[in-house]
């Protein structure tokens, strides 16, 4: 019975960890979508600044994903 309780505890903690990872992943997807939307909005307002905005967006994404 001790082994069964230990296995149940491990499965419970695994379920909690998977849930936290999914919440984290969904939050990051939302943030990336938001950043992309802001980039498109800025590009539509000032097309001449698109190269600078692309560099800043790329740097932000690279730094944020590390």
N, C-alpha and C. Protein backbone atom coordinates (compact mmCIF):
# COMPACT_ATOMS: atom_id res chain seq x y z
N UNK A 1 0.81 -1.21 0.00
CA UNK A 1 0.00 0.00 0.00
C UNK A 1 0.85 1.27 0.00
N UNK A 2 2.02 1.17 0.58
CA UNK A 2 2.90 2.34 0.63
C UNK A 2 3.33 2.76 -0.77
N UNK A 3 3.62 1.79 -1.61
CA UNK A 3 4.04 2.10 -2.99
C UNK A 3 2.89 2.72 -3.76
N UNK A 4 1.68 2.24 -3.56
CA UNK A 4 0.52 2.79 -4.26
C UNK A 4 0.29 4.26 -3.87
N UNK A 5 0.48 4.59 -2.60
CA UNK A 5 0.33 5.98 -2.15
C UNK A 5 1.42 6.85 -2.75
N UNK A 6 2.64 6.32 -2.80
CA UNK A 6 3.75 7.07 -3.38
C UNK A 6 3.49 7.35 -4.87
N UNK A 7 3.02 6.34 -5.59
CA UNK A 7 2.72 6.52 -7.02
C UNK A 7 1.60 7.55 -7.20
N UNK A 8 0.59 7.49 -6.35
CA UNK A 8 -0.52 8.45 -6.44
C UNK A 8 -0.02 9.87 -6.17
N UNK A 9 0.88 10.02 -5.22
CA UNK A 9 1.45 11.35 -4.93
C UNK A 9 2.25 11.88 -6.11
N UNK A 10 3.04 11.01 -6.72
CA UNK A 10 3.84 11.42 -7.87
C UNK A 10 2.93 11.82 -9.03
N UNK A 11 1.88 11.06 -9.27
CA UNK A 11 0.95 11.38 -10.35
C UNK A 11 0.24 12.71 -10.07
N UNK A 12 -0.11 12.96 -8.83
CA UNK A 12 -0.76 14.22 -8.49
C UNK A 12 0.15 15.41 -8.71
N UNK A 13 1.40 15.29 -8.28
CA UNK A 13 2.36 16.38 -8.48
C UNK A 13 2.66 16.58 -9.97
N UNK A 14 2.69 15.49 -10.73
CA UNK A 14 2.92 15.59 -12.17
C UNK A 14 1.77 16.35 -12.84
N UNK A 15 0.55 16.06 -12.42
CA UNK A 15 -0.61 16.76 -12.98
C UNK A 15 -0.55 18.25 -12.68
N UNK A 16 -0.14 18.59 -11.47
CA UNK A 16 -0.02 20.01 -11.11
C UNK A 16 1.08 20.67 -11.95
N UNK A 17 2.21 20.01 -12.11
CA UNK A 17 3.30 20.56 -12.90
C UNK A 17 2.90 20.76 -14.36
N UNK A 18 2.20 19.79 -14.92
CA UNK A 18 1.73 19.91 -16.31
C UNK A 18 0.76 21.08 -16.44
N UNK A 19 -0.13 21.24 -15.47
CA UNK A 19 -1.06 22.36 -15.49
C UNK A 19 -0.35 23.70 -15.45
N UNK A 20 0.68 23.81 -14.61
CA UNK A 20 1.44 25.06 -14.53
C UNK A 20 2.19 25.35 -15.83
N UNK A 21 2.75 24.32 -16.44
CA UNK A 21 3.45 24.50 -17.71
C UNK A 21 2.48 24.95 -18.80
N UNK A 22 1.29 24.38 -18.82
CA UNK A 22 0.29 24.80 -19.82
C UNK A 22 -0.14 26.24 -19.61
N UNK A 23 -0.35 26.65 -18.38
CA UNK A 23 -0.72 28.04 -18.10
C UNK A 23 0.40 28.97 -18.54
N UNK A 24 1.64 28.60 -18.24
CA UNK A 24 2.80 29.41 -18.64
C UNK A 24 2.88 29.52 -20.16
N UNK A 25 2.68 28.40 -20.86
CA UNK A 25 2.75 28.40 -22.32
C UNK A 25 1.65 29.26 -22.93
N UNK A 26 0.45 29.15 -22.41
CA UNK A 26 -0.65 29.97 -22.93
C UNK A 26 -0.41 31.45 -22.67
N UNK A 27 0.14 31.78 -21.52
CA UNK A 27 0.44 33.18 -21.20
C UNK A 27 1.49 33.72 -22.18
N UNK A 28 2.52 32.92 -22.48
CA UNK A 28 3.54 33.37 -23.42
C UNK A 28 2.99 33.52 -24.82
N UNK A 29 2.10 32.64 -25.23
CA UNK A 29 1.45 32.78 -26.54
C UNK A 29 0.67 34.08 -26.61
N UNK A 30 -0.04 34.39 -25.55
CA UNK A 30 -0.80 35.64 -25.51
C UNK A 30 0.13 36.85 -25.61
N UNK A 31 1.24 36.81 -24.88
CA UNK A 31 2.16 37.95 -24.90
C UNK A 31 2.80 38.12 -26.29
N UNK A 32 3.19 37.00 -26.92
CA UNK A 32 3.77 37.09 -28.26
C UNK A 32 2.75 37.64 -29.26
N UNK A 33 1.51 37.21 -29.13
CA UNK A 33 0.45 37.71 -29.99
C UNK A 33 0.26 39.21 -29.78
N UNK A 34 0.31 39.64 -28.54
CA UNK A 34 0.16 41.05 -28.22
C UNK A 34 1.32 41.88 -28.79
N UNK A 35 2.54 41.38 -28.65
CA UNK A 35 3.70 42.09 -29.19
C UNK A 35 3.61 42.20 -30.71
N UNK A 36 3.21 41.11 -31.36
CA UNK A 36 3.05 41.13 -32.82
C UNK A 36 1.98 42.11 -33.25
N UNK A 37 0.90 42.19 -32.50
CA UNK A 37 -0.16 43.13 -32.82
C UNK A 37 0.29 44.57 -32.68
N UNK A 38 1.06 44.84 -31.63
CA UNK A 38 1.58 46.20 -31.45
C UNK A 38 2.55 46.57 -32.57
N UNK A 39 3.36 45.59 -33.01
CA UNK A 39 4.27 45.84 -34.13
C UNK A 39 3.48 46.19 -35.39
N UNK A 40 2.46 45.41 -35.70
CA UNK A 40 1.67 45.68 -36.90
C UNK A 40 0.96 47.03 -36.81
N UNK A 41 0.49 47.35 -35.62
CA UNK A 41 -0.16 48.64 -35.43
C UNK A 41 0.82 49.79 -35.66
N UNK A 42 2.02 49.67 -35.11
CA UNK A 42 3.03 50.70 -35.32
C UNK A 42 3.47 50.79 -36.77
N UNK A 43 3.57 49.64 -37.43
CA UNK A 43 3.97 49.63 -38.84
C UNK A 43 2.89 50.27 -39.71
N UNK A 44 1.64 50.07 -39.36
CA UNK A 44 0.56 50.67 -40.15
C UNK A 44 0.52 52.18 -39.95
N UNK A 45 0.84 52.63 -38.75
CA UNK A 45 0.80 54.08 -38.48
C UNK A 45 1.98 54.82 -39.11
N UNK A 46 3.17 54.19 -39.06
CA UNK A 46 4.37 54.85 -39.60
C UNK A 46 5.18 53.84 -40.42
N UNK A 47 4.82 53.66 -41.68
CA UNK A 47 5.49 52.65 -42.51
C UNK A 47 7.00 52.90 -42.68
N UNK A 48 7.42 54.14 -42.59
CA UNK A 48 8.85 54.41 -42.78
C UNK A 48 9.69 53.91 -41.60
N UNK A 49 9.07 53.59 -40.49
CA UNK A 49 9.80 53.11 -39.32
C UNK A 49 9.79 51.58 -39.19
N UNK A 50 9.29 50.90 -40.20
CA UNK A 50 9.20 49.42 -40.13
C UNK A 50 10.55 48.77 -39.89
N UNK A 51 11.65 49.15 -40.57
CA UNK A 51 12.93 48.47 -40.31
C UNK A 51 13.37 48.61 -38.84
N UNK A 52 13.22 49.80 -38.28
CA UNK A 52 13.62 49.99 -36.88
C UNK A 52 12.72 49.19 -35.95
N UNK A 53 11.42 49.17 -36.24
CA UNK A 53 10.50 48.40 -35.41
C UNK A 53 10.78 46.91 -35.49
N UNK A 54 11.16 46.43 -36.68
CA UNK A 54 11.49 45.01 -36.83
C UNK A 54 12.68 44.63 -35.97
N UNK A 55 13.71 45.47 -35.97
CA UNK A 55 14.90 45.19 -35.17
C UNK A 55 14.54 45.18 -33.70
N UNK A 56 13.78 46.16 -33.26
CA UNK A 56 13.42 46.23 -31.84
C UNK A 56 12.54 45.05 -31.44
N UNK A 57 11.63 44.66 -32.31
CA UNK A 57 10.77 43.52 -32.00
C UNK A 57 11.59 42.24 -31.93
N UNK A 58 12.51 42.06 -32.86
CA UNK A 58 13.36 40.88 -32.87
C UNK A 58 14.22 40.82 -31.60
N UNK A 59 14.82 41.93 -31.23
CA UNK A 59 15.63 41.97 -29.99
C UNK A 59 14.78 41.67 -28.77
N UNK A 60 13.61 42.21 -28.73
CA UNK A 60 12.71 41.96 -27.60
C UNK A 60 12.35 40.48 -27.50
N UNK A 61 12.03 39.87 -28.64
CA UNK A 61 11.66 38.46 -28.63
C UNK A 61 12.84 37.57 -28.26
N UNK A 62 14.03 37.89 -28.77
CA UNK A 62 15.21 37.08 -28.46
C UNK A 62 15.56 37.20 -26.98
N UNK A 63 15.54 38.41 -26.47
CA UNK A 63 15.87 38.60 -25.04
C UNK A 63 14.81 38.00 -24.13
N UNK A 64 13.56 38.06 -24.56
CA UNK A 64 12.46 37.60 -23.71
C UNK A 64 12.39 36.08 -23.64
N UNK A 65 12.78 35.40 -24.72
CA UNK A 65 12.68 33.95 -24.75
C UNK A 65 13.86 33.26 -24.10
N UNK A 66 14.85 33.98 -23.67
CA UNK A 66 15.99 33.36 -22.99
C UNK A 66 15.75 33.22 -21.53
